[in-house]
N, C-alpha and C. Protein backbone atom coordinates (compact mmCIF):
# COMPACT_ATOMS: atom_id res chain seq x y z
N MET A 1 -109.90 -8.32 -44.89
CA MET A 1 -109.45 -8.99 -45.85
C MET A 1 -108.83 -8.14 -46.92
N PRO A 2 -107.67 -8.60 -47.45
CA PRO A 2 -106.91 -7.72 -48.51
C PRO A 2 -107.88 -7.61 -49.60
N ARG A 3 -107.44 -6.44 -50.40
CA ARG A 3 -108.34 -6.09 -51.61
C ARG A 3 -107.96 -7.05 -52.69
N ILE A 4 -106.90 -7.82 -52.69
CA ILE A 4 -106.40 -8.81 -53.67
C ILE A 4 -106.37 -10.13 -53.02
N GLU A 5 -106.89 -11.12 -53.42
CA GLU A 5 -106.70 -12.34 -52.65
C GLU A 5 -105.38 -12.78 -52.92
N PRO A 6 -104.71 -13.10 -51.71
CA PRO A 6 -103.36 -13.53 -51.59
C PRO A 6 -103.10 -14.93 -52.36
N ALA A 7 -101.91 -15.11 -53.07
CA ALA A 7 -101.46 -16.39 -53.56
C ALA A 7 -101.34 -17.37 -52.51
N PRO A 8 -101.53 -18.67 -52.87
CA PRO A 8 -101.26 -19.67 -51.85
C PRO A 8 -99.75 -19.54 -51.13
N ALA A 9 -99.74 -19.93 -49.91
CA ALA A 9 -98.29 -19.89 -49.25
C ALA A 9 -97.53 -21.26 -49.91
N SER A 10 -96.22 -20.99 -50.04
CA SER A 10 -95.26 -22.05 -50.62
C SER A 10 -95.04 -22.98 -49.53
N PRO A 11 -95.02 -24.14 -49.80
CA PRO A 11 -94.66 -25.08 -48.63
C PRO A 11 -93.12 -25.03 -48.38
N GLU A 12 -92.27 -24.43 -49.36
CA GLU A 12 -90.80 -24.38 -49.18
C GLU A 12 -90.57 -23.02 -48.49
N GLY A 13 -91.49 -22.03 -48.44
CA GLY A 13 -91.23 -20.63 -47.96
C GLY A 13 -91.02 -20.67 -46.39
N ASP A 14 -90.66 -19.49 -46.01
CA ASP A 14 -90.61 -19.12 -44.66
C ASP A 14 -91.59 -18.03 -44.44
N ALA A 15 -91.39 -17.44 -43.09
CA ALA A 15 -92.39 -16.43 -42.79
C ALA A 15 -92.10 -15.10 -43.59
N VAL A 16 -91.05 -14.83 -44.13
CA VAL A 16 -90.76 -13.79 -44.94
C VAL A 16 -91.31 -13.92 -46.36
N SER A 17 -90.77 -15.08 -46.93
CA SER A 17 -91.37 -15.31 -48.39
C SER A 17 -92.87 -15.72 -48.23
N ASN A 18 -93.52 -16.10 -47.21
CA ASN A 18 -94.77 -16.45 -47.32
C ASN A 18 -95.71 -15.34 -46.47
N SER A 19 -95.01 -14.23 -46.29
CA SER A 19 -95.83 -13.28 -45.65
C SER A 19 -96.98 -12.69 -46.43
N LEU A 20 -98.13 -12.17 -45.76
CA LEU A 20 -99.23 -11.76 -46.47
C LEU A 20 -98.87 -10.77 -47.54
N LEU A 21 -98.11 -9.79 -47.26
CA LEU A 21 -97.49 -8.80 -48.30
C LEU A 21 -96.99 -9.59 -49.52
N ALA A 22 -96.05 -10.49 -49.37
CA ALA A 22 -95.55 -11.37 -50.48
C ALA A 22 -96.58 -12.15 -51.07
N ARG A 23 -97.37 -12.69 -50.50
CA ARG A 23 -98.38 -13.50 -51.22
C ARG A 23 -99.37 -12.61 -52.08
N VAL A 24 -99.72 -11.36 -51.59
CA VAL A 24 -100.65 -10.66 -52.40
C VAL A 24 -99.86 -10.01 -53.55
N MET A 25 -98.64 -9.65 -53.38
CA MET A 25 -97.72 -9.19 -54.32
C MET A 25 -97.50 -10.42 -55.31
N GLY A 26 -97.47 -11.62 -54.85
CA GLY A 26 -97.21 -12.78 -55.75
C GLY A 26 -98.34 -13.03 -56.68
N ARG A 27 -99.37 -12.31 -56.53
CA ARG A 27 -100.41 -12.30 -57.66
C ARG A 27 -99.77 -12.04 -58.90
N ASN A 28 -98.80 -11.10 -58.96
CA ASN A 28 -98.00 -10.86 -60.22
C ASN A 28 -96.60 -11.27 -59.81
N PRO A 29 -96.27 -12.45 -60.38
CA PRO A 29 -94.96 -13.14 -59.89
C PRO A 29 -93.72 -12.35 -60.25
N GLU A 30 -93.61 -11.78 -61.47
CA GLU A 30 -92.50 -10.97 -61.85
C GLU A 30 -92.27 -9.64 -60.88
N ILE A 31 -93.43 -9.10 -60.57
CA ILE A 31 -93.18 -7.99 -59.72
C ILE A 31 -92.54 -8.53 -58.25
N LEU A 32 -93.45 -9.53 -57.80
CA LEU A 32 -92.90 -10.11 -56.47
C LEU A 32 -91.37 -10.50 -56.73
N LYS A 33 -90.95 -11.16 -57.61
CA LYS A 33 -89.61 -11.50 -57.83
C LYS A 33 -88.57 -10.38 -57.80
N ALA A 34 -88.94 -9.36 -58.61
CA ALA A 34 -88.18 -8.06 -58.59
C ALA A 34 -88.17 -7.35 -57.05
N PHE A 35 -89.26 -7.40 -56.47
CA PHE A 35 -89.28 -6.62 -55.12
C PHE A 35 -88.51 -7.63 -54.17
N ALA A 36 -88.66 -8.96 -54.24
CA ALA A 36 -88.05 -9.80 -53.28
C ALA A 36 -86.58 -9.68 -53.41
N ARG A 37 -86.10 -9.48 -54.76
CA ARG A 37 -84.66 -9.61 -54.91
C ARG A 37 -83.97 -8.23 -54.29
N LEU A 38 -84.78 -7.08 -54.60
CA LEU A 38 -84.48 -5.69 -53.87
C LEU A 38 -84.45 -5.96 -52.42
N ASP A 39 -85.51 -6.35 -51.96
CA ASP A 39 -85.55 -6.58 -50.40
C ASP A 39 -84.54 -7.38 -49.80
N THR A 40 -84.21 -8.58 -50.43
CA THR A 40 -83.12 -9.23 -49.99
C THR A 40 -81.76 -8.74 -49.99
N THR A 41 -81.46 -8.13 -51.12
CA THR A 41 -80.21 -7.36 -51.37
C THR A 41 -80.12 -6.47 -50.28
N ILE A 42 -80.98 -5.55 -50.11
CA ILE A 42 -80.86 -4.37 -49.22
C ILE A 42 -80.97 -4.85 -47.59
N ARG A 43 -82.02 -5.75 -47.33
CA ARG A 43 -82.20 -6.09 -46.11
C ARG A 43 -81.14 -6.96 -45.43
N PHE A 44 -80.58 -7.97 -46.29
CA PHE A 44 -79.68 -9.02 -45.63
C PHE A 44 -78.33 -8.95 -46.13
N LYS A 45 -78.04 -7.95 -47.11
CA LYS A 45 -76.64 -7.67 -47.55
C LYS A 45 -76.25 -6.22 -47.24
N GLY A 46 -75.16 -5.91 -47.66
CA GLY A 46 -74.74 -4.57 -47.26
C GLY A 46 -73.99 -4.50 -45.95
N ARG A 47 -73.78 -3.20 -45.54
CA ARG A 47 -73.04 -3.13 -44.20
C ARG A 47 -73.80 -2.81 -43.06
N LEU A 48 -75.06 -2.34 -43.17
CA LEU A 48 -75.95 -2.02 -41.97
C LEU A 48 -76.39 -3.16 -41.42
N PRO A 49 -76.43 -3.19 -40.06
CA PRO A 49 -76.77 -4.41 -39.42
C PRO A 49 -78.43 -4.64 -39.67
N ILE A 50 -78.78 -5.87 -39.81
CA ILE A 50 -80.29 -6.25 -39.84
C ILE A 50 -81.19 -5.53 -38.84
N GLU A 51 -80.54 -5.55 -37.69
CA GLU A 51 -81.28 -5.15 -36.51
C GLU A 51 -81.61 -3.44 -36.52
N LEU A 52 -80.65 -2.83 -37.36
CA LEU A 52 -80.88 -1.38 -37.54
C LEU A 52 -82.15 -1.17 -38.70
N LYS A 53 -81.86 -2.01 -39.59
CA LYS A 53 -82.99 -2.04 -40.81
C LYS A 53 -84.35 -2.35 -40.11
N GLU A 54 -84.45 -3.42 -39.29
CA GLU A 54 -85.66 -3.85 -38.63
C GLU A 54 -86.26 -2.81 -37.78
N ALA A 55 -85.33 -2.01 -37.14
CA ALA A 55 -85.68 -0.81 -36.20
C ALA A 55 -86.32 0.23 -36.99
N VAL A 56 -85.76 0.39 -38.30
CA VAL A 56 -86.38 1.51 -39.11
C VAL A 56 -87.84 1.05 -39.80
N ARG A 57 -87.94 -0.17 -40.11
CA ARG A 57 -89.15 -0.83 -40.49
C ARG A 57 -90.12 -0.63 -39.46
N ARG A 58 -89.86 -1.09 -38.29
CA ARG A 58 -90.93 -1.00 -37.04
C ARG A 58 -91.18 0.51 -36.87
N ALA A 59 -90.28 1.39 -36.86
CA ALA A 59 -90.60 2.83 -36.54
C ALA A 59 -91.46 3.56 -37.60
N THR A 60 -91.37 3.15 -38.78
CA THR A 60 -92.12 3.73 -39.86
C THR A 60 -93.47 3.15 -40.16
N ALA A 61 -93.73 1.90 -39.85
CA ALA A 61 -94.79 1.08 -40.05
C ALA A 61 -96.18 1.77 -39.59
N GLY A 62 -96.16 2.18 -38.46
CA GLY A 62 -97.40 2.85 -37.79
C GLY A 62 -97.64 4.06 -38.41
N GLY A 63 -96.75 4.96 -38.70
CA GLY A 63 -96.86 6.29 -39.38
C GLY A 63 -97.46 6.13 -40.78
N ILE A 64 -96.86 5.16 -41.51
CA ILE A 64 -97.43 4.92 -42.90
C ILE A 64 -98.75 4.37 -42.78
N GLY A 65 -99.22 3.48 -41.78
CA GLY A 65 -100.37 3.15 -41.51
C GLY A 65 -100.71 1.79 -42.11
N CYS A 66 -99.72 0.91 -42.27
CA CYS A 66 -99.78 -0.52 -42.64
C CYS A 66 -100.01 -1.29 -41.30
N GLU A 67 -101.23 -1.88 -41.11
CA GLU A 67 -101.49 -2.65 -39.95
C GLU A 67 -100.83 -3.69 -39.99
N TYR A 68 -100.60 -4.52 -41.18
CA TYR A 68 -99.83 -5.73 -41.25
C TYR A 68 -98.39 -5.50 -40.88
N CYS A 69 -97.72 -4.41 -41.49
CA CYS A 69 -96.38 -4.15 -41.09
C CYS A 69 -96.16 -3.85 -39.73
N ALA A 70 -97.08 -3.05 -39.13
CA ALA A 70 -97.05 -2.65 -37.65
C ALA A 70 -96.98 -3.87 -36.64
N SER A 71 -97.98 -4.84 -37.19
CA SER A 71 -98.18 -6.01 -36.35
C SER A 71 -96.91 -6.94 -36.41
N LEU A 72 -96.05 -6.84 -37.13
CA LEU A 72 -94.82 -7.68 -37.17
C LEU A 72 -93.73 -7.40 -36.04
N GLY A 73 -93.94 -6.28 -35.29
CA GLY A 73 -93.20 -5.76 -34.18
C GLY A 73 -93.32 -4.46 -33.90
N ALA A 74 -93.42 -4.15 -32.67
CA ALA A 74 -93.44 -2.85 -32.18
C ALA A 74 -92.17 -2.15 -32.27
N PRO A 75 -92.21 -0.72 -32.39
CA PRO A 75 -91.06 0.00 -32.28
C PRO A 75 -90.35 -0.16 -30.92
N LYS A 76 -89.03 -0.07 -31.15
CA LYS A 76 -88.29 -0.16 -29.68
C LYS A 76 -88.41 1.19 -28.96
N ASP A 77 -88.28 0.94 -27.62
CA ASP A 77 -88.42 2.38 -26.82
C ASP A 77 -86.71 3.04 -27.17
N ALA A 78 -86.61 4.08 -26.51
CA ALA A 78 -85.30 4.76 -26.80
C ALA A 78 -84.17 3.74 -26.85
N ASP A 79 -83.18 3.88 -27.76
CA ASP A 79 -82.15 3.23 -27.87
C ASP A 79 -80.79 3.79 -27.65
N ASP A 80 -79.94 3.10 -26.91
CA ASP A 80 -78.52 3.66 -26.57
C ASP A 80 -77.63 3.69 -27.92
N ASP A 81 -78.00 2.97 -28.84
CA ASP A 81 -77.35 2.82 -29.98
C ASP A 81 -77.42 4.11 -30.93
N ARG A 82 -76.39 5.05 -30.86
CA ARG A 82 -76.54 6.34 -31.63
C ARG A 82 -76.87 6.03 -33.02
N ARG A 83 -76.16 5.16 -33.70
CA ARG A 83 -76.54 4.92 -35.31
C ARG A 83 -77.87 4.34 -35.39
N GLU A 84 -78.36 3.57 -34.69
CA GLU A 84 -79.72 3.10 -34.81
C GLU A 84 -80.62 4.17 -34.60
N SER A 85 -80.49 4.95 -33.57
CA SER A 85 -81.48 6.15 -33.23
C SER A 85 -81.34 7.14 -34.24
N LEU A 86 -80.38 7.32 -34.86
CA LEU A 86 -80.14 8.24 -35.89
C LEU A 86 -80.93 7.78 -37.16
N ALA A 87 -80.74 6.53 -37.41
CA ALA A 87 -81.34 6.07 -38.81
C ALA A 87 -82.89 5.90 -38.45
N VAL A 88 -83.37 5.62 -37.27
CA VAL A 88 -84.77 5.67 -37.10
C VAL A 88 -85.26 7.02 -37.08
N ALA A 89 -84.70 7.97 -36.59
CA ALA A 89 -85.23 9.41 -36.65
C ALA A 89 -85.19 9.78 -38.20
N PHE A 90 -84.19 9.50 -38.99
CA PHE A 90 -84.09 9.98 -40.26
C PHE A 90 -85.28 9.32 -40.95
N ALA A 91 -85.50 8.02 -40.86
CA ALA A 91 -86.47 7.24 -41.52
C ALA A 91 -87.94 7.78 -41.07
N GLN A 92 -88.19 8.18 -40.08
CA GLN A 92 -89.34 8.82 -39.60
C GLN A 92 -89.65 10.22 -40.16
N LEU A 93 -88.51 10.99 -40.35
CA LEU A 93 -88.68 12.16 -40.99
C LEU A 93 -88.97 11.90 -42.52
N VAL A 94 -88.30 11.18 -43.13
CA VAL A 94 -88.51 10.76 -44.48
C VAL A 94 -90.05 10.29 -44.76
N ALA A 95 -90.47 9.51 -43.99
CA ALA A 95 -92.08 9.16 -43.99
C ALA A 95 -92.99 10.23 -43.69
N GLU A 96 -92.58 10.97 -42.82
CA GLU A 96 -93.38 12.26 -42.63
C GLU A 96 -93.44 13.44 -43.49
N ASP A 97 -92.15 13.75 -43.88
CA ASP A 97 -92.01 14.94 -44.87
C ASP A 97 -90.64 14.79 -45.52
N PRO A 98 -90.58 14.03 -46.66
CA PRO A 98 -89.37 13.84 -47.31
C PRO A 98 -88.73 15.08 -47.84
N LYS A 99 -89.52 16.23 -48.03
CA LYS A 99 -89.00 17.29 -48.70
C LYS A 99 -88.10 18.17 -47.63
N SER A 100 -88.21 17.64 -46.23
CA SER A 100 -87.58 18.45 -45.23
C SER A 100 -86.19 17.95 -45.04
N VAL A 101 -85.87 16.80 -45.86
CA VAL A 101 -84.61 16.32 -45.76
C VAL A 101 -83.44 17.33 -46.39
N ASP A 102 -82.64 17.69 -45.93
CA ASP A 102 -81.64 18.69 -46.36
C ASP A 102 -80.19 18.52 -46.22
N ASP A 103 -79.22 19.11 -46.61
CA ASP A 103 -77.92 19.10 -46.41
C ASP A 103 -77.54 18.92 -45.14
N ALA A 104 -78.16 19.90 -44.13
CA ALA A 104 -77.71 19.86 -42.86
C ALA A 104 -78.08 18.32 -42.13
N LEU A 105 -79.05 17.73 -42.46
CA LEU A 105 -79.43 16.34 -41.99
C LEU A 105 -78.40 15.36 -42.57
N PHE A 106 -78.00 15.41 -43.92
CA PHE A 106 -76.98 14.60 -44.24
C PHE A 106 -75.63 14.91 -43.50
N ALA A 107 -75.26 15.95 -43.26
CA ALA A 107 -74.06 16.26 -42.34
C ALA A 107 -74.16 15.57 -41.11
N VAL A 108 -75.38 15.53 -40.42
CA VAL A 108 -75.42 14.81 -39.19
C VAL A 108 -75.40 13.26 -39.49
N LEU A 109 -76.01 12.80 -40.54
CA LEU A 109 -75.77 11.27 -40.93
C LEU A 109 -74.32 11.00 -40.99
N ARG A 110 -73.47 11.85 -41.61
CA ARG A 110 -72.11 11.68 -42.00
C ARG A 110 -71.40 11.60 -40.62
N GLU A 111 -71.84 11.97 -39.53
CA GLU A 111 -71.15 11.97 -38.33
C GLU A 111 -71.16 10.23 -37.91
N GLU A 112 -71.96 9.72 -38.25
CA GLU A 112 -72.09 8.25 -37.90
C GLU A 112 -71.98 7.27 -39.10
N PHE A 113 -72.36 7.62 -40.29
CA PHE A 113 -72.34 6.86 -41.36
C PHE A 113 -71.39 7.41 -42.50
N ASP A 114 -70.78 6.31 -43.29
CA ASP A 114 -70.06 6.74 -44.47
C ASP A 114 -71.18 6.80 -45.64
N ASP A 115 -70.65 7.28 -46.67
CA ASP A 115 -71.58 7.51 -47.88
C ASP A 115 -72.09 6.30 -48.37
N GLU A 116 -71.49 5.03 -48.48
CA GLU A 116 -71.97 3.94 -48.78
C GLU A 116 -73.12 3.47 -47.72
N GLU A 117 -72.87 3.51 -46.56
CA GLU A 117 -74.00 3.26 -45.55
C GLU A 117 -75.24 4.26 -45.76
N ILE A 118 -74.87 5.41 -46.09
CA ILE A 118 -76.10 6.43 -46.23
C ILE A 118 -76.82 5.99 -47.37
N VAL A 119 -76.21 5.52 -48.51
CA VAL A 119 -77.08 5.03 -49.67
C VAL A 119 -77.87 3.88 -49.35
N GLU A 120 -77.28 3.02 -48.54
CA GLU A 120 -77.94 1.72 -48.09
C GLU A 120 -79.17 2.17 -47.12
N LEU A 121 -78.92 3.08 -46.23
CA LEU A 121 -80.10 3.43 -45.31
C LEU A 121 -81.11 4.15 -46.13
N VAL A 122 -80.85 4.94 -47.14
CA VAL A 122 -81.83 5.72 -47.84
C VAL A 122 -82.65 4.63 -48.78
N ALA A 123 -81.88 3.73 -49.35
CA ALA A 123 -82.49 2.79 -50.18
C ALA A 123 -83.32 1.94 -49.35
N TRP A 124 -82.97 1.41 -48.38
CA TRP A 124 -83.69 0.59 -47.47
C TRP A 124 -85.03 1.28 -46.89
N THR A 125 -84.80 2.61 -46.50
CA THR A 125 -86.05 3.38 -46.03
C THR A 125 -86.95 3.67 -47.27
N CYS A 126 -86.43 4.11 -48.22
CA CYS A 126 -87.51 4.59 -49.29
C CYS A 126 -87.98 3.34 -50.28
N LEU A 127 -86.98 2.54 -50.60
CA LEU A 127 -87.36 1.39 -51.64
C LEU A 127 -88.11 0.16 -51.15
N VAL A 128 -87.80 -0.04 -49.93
CA VAL A 128 -88.32 -1.25 -49.27
C VAL A 128 -89.21 -1.03 -48.03
N ALA A 129 -88.68 -0.42 -47.02
CA ALA A 129 -89.51 -0.10 -45.81
C ALA A 129 -90.75 0.61 -46.11
N ILE A 130 -90.61 1.77 -46.55
CA ILE A 130 -91.66 2.65 -46.71
C ILE A 130 -92.53 2.37 -47.96
N ALA A 131 -92.06 1.89 -49.04
CA ALA A 131 -92.67 1.31 -50.33
C ALA A 131 -93.51 0.10 -49.87
N GLY A 132 -92.85 -0.77 -49.10
CA GLY A 132 -93.69 -1.99 -48.88
C GLY A 132 -94.78 -1.58 -47.92
N GLN A 133 -94.53 -0.77 -47.04
CA GLN A 133 -95.74 -0.32 -46.07
C GLN A 133 -96.89 0.30 -46.79
N MET A 134 -96.44 1.08 -47.75
CA MET A 134 -97.50 1.72 -48.62
C MET A 134 -98.45 0.83 -49.32
N PHE A 135 -97.51 -0.21 -49.80
CA PHE A 135 -98.21 -1.34 -50.79
C PHE A 135 -99.21 -1.98 -49.73
N GLY A 136 -98.88 -2.24 -48.47
CA GLY A 136 -99.74 -2.80 -47.57
C GLY A 136 -100.97 -2.00 -47.20
N VAL A 137 -100.74 -0.67 -47.07
CA VAL A 137 -101.95 0.15 -46.73
C VAL A 137 -102.99 0.02 -47.93
N VAL A 138 -102.42 0.40 -49.13
CA VAL A 138 -103.26 0.38 -50.30
C VAL A 138 -103.99 -0.92 -50.59
N MET A 139 -103.18 -2.17 -50.32
CA MET A 139 -103.70 -3.36 -50.53
C MET A 139 -104.72 -3.75 -49.33
N GLY A 140 -104.84 -3.06 -48.26
CA GLY A 140 -105.77 -3.24 -47.21
C GLY A 140 -105.33 -4.78 -46.25
N LEU A 141 -103.97 -4.70 -46.25
CA LEU A 141 -103.45 -5.98 -45.55
C LEU A 141 -103.71 -5.87 -44.11
N GLU A 142 -104.47 -6.88 -43.54
CA GLU A 142 -104.83 -6.78 -42.03
C GLU A 142 -103.62 -7.28 -41.22
N ALA A 143 -103.66 -7.07 -40.01
CA ALA A 143 -102.66 -7.42 -39.00
C ALA A 143 -102.30 -8.89 -39.03
N ALA A 144 -101.12 -9.23 -38.91
CA ALA A 144 -100.75 -10.66 -38.78
C ALA A 144 -101.07 -10.97 -37.50
N GLY A 145 -101.19 -12.43 -37.29
CA GLY A 145 -101.44 -12.95 -36.11
C GLY A 145 -100.20 -13.21 -35.25
N GLU A 146 -100.33 -13.42 -34.02
CA GLU A 146 -99.05 -13.54 -33.06
C GLU A 146 -98.25 -14.63 -33.45
N ASP A 147 -98.64 -15.60 -34.01
CA ASP A 147 -97.60 -16.71 -34.45
C ASP A 147 -96.94 -16.38 -35.67
N GLU A 148 -97.75 -15.64 -36.74
CA GLU A 148 -96.97 -15.15 -37.87
C GLU A 148 -95.89 -14.30 -37.51
N ALA A 149 -96.43 -13.22 -36.68
CA ALA A 149 -95.25 -12.20 -36.20
C ALA A 149 -94.12 -12.73 -35.42
N ALA A 150 -94.38 -13.74 -34.63
CA ALA A 150 -93.32 -14.36 -33.94
C ALA A 150 -92.22 -15.12 -34.87
N GLU A 151 -92.91 -15.89 -35.90
CA GLU A 151 -92.12 -16.69 -36.94
C GLU A 151 -91.41 -15.57 -37.77
N TYR A 152 -91.97 -14.60 -38.10
CA TYR A 152 -91.13 -13.64 -38.84
C TYR A 152 -89.94 -12.98 -38.07
N GLN A 153 -90.13 -12.68 -36.90
CA GLN A 153 -89.01 -12.23 -36.00
C GLN A 153 -87.90 -13.36 -35.91
N ALA A 154 -88.33 -14.54 -35.72
CA ALA A 154 -87.52 -15.61 -35.69
C ALA A 154 -86.61 -15.81 -37.06
N VAL A 155 -87.23 -15.60 -38.06
CA VAL A 155 -86.58 -15.80 -39.32
C VAL A 155 -85.39 -14.52 -39.37
N LEU A 156 -85.85 -13.45 -39.18
CA LEU A 156 -84.82 -12.29 -39.13
C LEU A 156 -83.78 -12.64 -38.02
N SER A 157 -84.12 -13.10 -37.02
CA SER A 157 -83.06 -13.32 -35.90
C SER A 157 -82.10 -14.24 -36.30
N ALA A 158 -82.53 -15.42 -36.84
CA ALA A 158 -81.61 -16.50 -37.45
C ALA A 158 -80.65 -16.02 -38.59
N LEU A 159 -81.16 -15.14 -39.38
CA LEU A 159 -80.51 -14.55 -40.57
C LEU A 159 -79.54 -13.62 -40.06
N SER A 160 -79.88 -12.94 -38.96
CA SER A 160 -78.82 -11.87 -38.37
C SER A 160 -77.80 -12.62 -37.88
N VAL A 161 -78.07 -13.69 -37.19
CA VAL A 161 -76.96 -14.52 -36.44
C VAL A 161 -76.06 -15.12 -37.45
N SER A 162 -76.66 -15.49 -38.51
CA SER A 162 -75.84 -16.28 -39.53
C SER A 162 -75.06 -15.24 -40.30
N ARG A 163 -75.49 -14.04 -40.34
CA ARG A 163 -74.69 -12.97 -41.02
C ARG A 163 -73.52 -12.54 -40.19
N SER A 164 -73.47 -12.68 -38.77
CA SER A 164 -72.48 -12.20 -38.16
C SER A 164 -71.22 -13.11 -38.10
């Protein structure tokens, strides 16, 4: 059971806006509103594909220790997409040891990403993926059920298709 009782689900919401994380955060509506706006801006806008951002989220969830976040989708196995693999490796390094990020790593990122994309990747990794996962750990969010996880992935897939 979460350490804070979740707010009720909204009848107008979807699997993202009615997620356990959003409903616990919703106990302080102004914080939820600000976080949701940041999440939506970084997750669904910008230049990086939603699939790349989701791969980052999945890859860092277990290491951060958020049972809820990890239950929304397992990390992919090795990926042939160099940009996605590099983004995931970068995010895992940030999650494990942010002080180890150095200029040499940014030089490697610049082989695949321009500066705008790097800012987007760092913002997604630090301000949404890892921060949201830490929130989940601290609040004691339990794993989502299979139906909730499937609905979450369906919402992301639909948004990804509509963005293309």
